């Protein structure tokens, strides 16, 4: 049975996964952390987005996209 971290309203496993980088900080988790321990949910989400973007840029296989061409008016 999963025990809840009563102050945050999430399971211990969910909190463990976020702390250890196994799960991303979701908007809901960011608000829970803001209310439970302080800090700023916006800042947590910006850090998560920056981390996600950095991880994607370091991938071996680049993302292939064809650029849209502007049509002459």
Protein backbone atom coordinates (compact mmCIF):
# COMPACT_ATOMS: atom_id res chain seq x y z
CA UNK A 1 0.00 0.00 0.00
CA UNK A 2 1.32 3.43 -0.93
CA UNK A 3 1.49 5.88 1.94
CA UNK A 4 0.65 9.50 1.35
CA UNK A 5 2.84 12.39 2.30
CA UNK A 6 -0.07 13.96 4.13
CA UNK A 7 1.05 17.58 3.92
CA UNK A 8 1.42 17.50 0.14
CA UNK A 9 -1.42 15.11 -0.69
CA UNK A 10 0.78 12.84 -2.83
CA UNK A 11 2.22 9.40 -2.27
CA UNK A 12 5.73 8.93 -0.99
CA UNK A 13 6.55 7.24 -4.30
CA UNK A 14 5.39 10.25 -6.31
CA UNK A 15 7.52 12.60 -4.23
CA UNK A 16 10.49 10.23 -4.43
CA UNK A 17 10.17 10.08 -8.23
CA UNK A 18 10.18 13.87 -8.56
CA UNK A 19 13.07 14.37 -6.14
CA UNK A 20 15.17 11.71 -7.86
CA UNK A 21 14.45 12.89 -11.41
CA UNK A 22 12.34 9.88 -12.38
CA UNK A 23 9.28 12.09 -12.93
CA UNK A 24 8.89 15.64 -14.15
CA UNK A 25 7.52 18.42 -11.99
CA UNK A 26 3.94 18.86 -13.21
CA UNK A 27 1.99 22.10 -12.70
CA UNK A 28 -0.04 20.38 -9.97
CA UNK A 29 3.07 19.11 -8.18
CA UNK A 30 4.65 22.57 -8.47
CA UNK A 31 1.66 24.12 -6.73
CA UNK A 32 1.67 21.42 -4.05
CA UNK A 33 5.37 22.05 -3.39
CA UNK A 34 4.82 25.82 -3.36
CA UNK A 35 2.05 25.50 -0.79
CA UNK A 36 3.77 22.76 1.22
CA UNK A 37 7.37 23.91 1.43
CA UNK A 38 7.39 27.38 -0.03
CA UNK A 39 9.17 28.63 -3.07
CA UNK A 40 7.52 29.51 -6.33
CA UNK A 41 5.58 27.15 -8.61
CA UNK A 42 6.40 29.29 -11.66
CA UNK A 43 10.11 28.98 -10.95
CA UNK A 44 9.86 25.20 -10.50
CA UNK A 45 8.07 24.86 -13.83
CA UNK A 46 10.58 27.09 -15.62
CA UNK A 47 13.42 24.96 -14.25
CA UNK A 48 11.64 21.79 -15.39
CA UNK A 49 11.08 23.22 -18.88
CA UNK A 50 14.73 24.30 -19.13
CA UNK A 51 15.88 20.83 -18.06
CA UNK A 52 13.54 19.11 -20.53
CA UNK A 53 14.75 21.34 -23.37
CA UNK A 54 18.41 20.74 -22.50
CA UNK A 55 17.86 16.98 -22.45
CA UNK A 56 16.16 17.10 -25.84
CA UNK A 57 18.97 19.16 -27.36
CA UNK A 58 21.55 16.63 -26.16
CA UNK A 59 19.85 13.70 -27.90
CA UNK A 60 21.90 11.84 -30.47
CA UNK A 61 19.25 11.97 -33.19
CA UNK A 62 18.30 15.49 -34.27
CA UNK A 63 14.68 16.40 -34.85
CA UNK A 64 14.03 16.62 -38.59
CA UNK A 65 11.63 19.39 -39.62
CA UNK A 66 11.01 21.09 -42.94
CA UNK A 67 10.81 24.84 -42.65
CA UNK A 68 7.60 26.57 -43.75
CA UNK A 69 8.08 28.88 -46.70
CA UNK A 70 6.31 32.22 -46.80
CA UNK A 71 4.00 32.71 -49.70
CA UNK A 72 4.35 35.90 -51.69
CA UNK A 73 1.44 38.29 -51.16
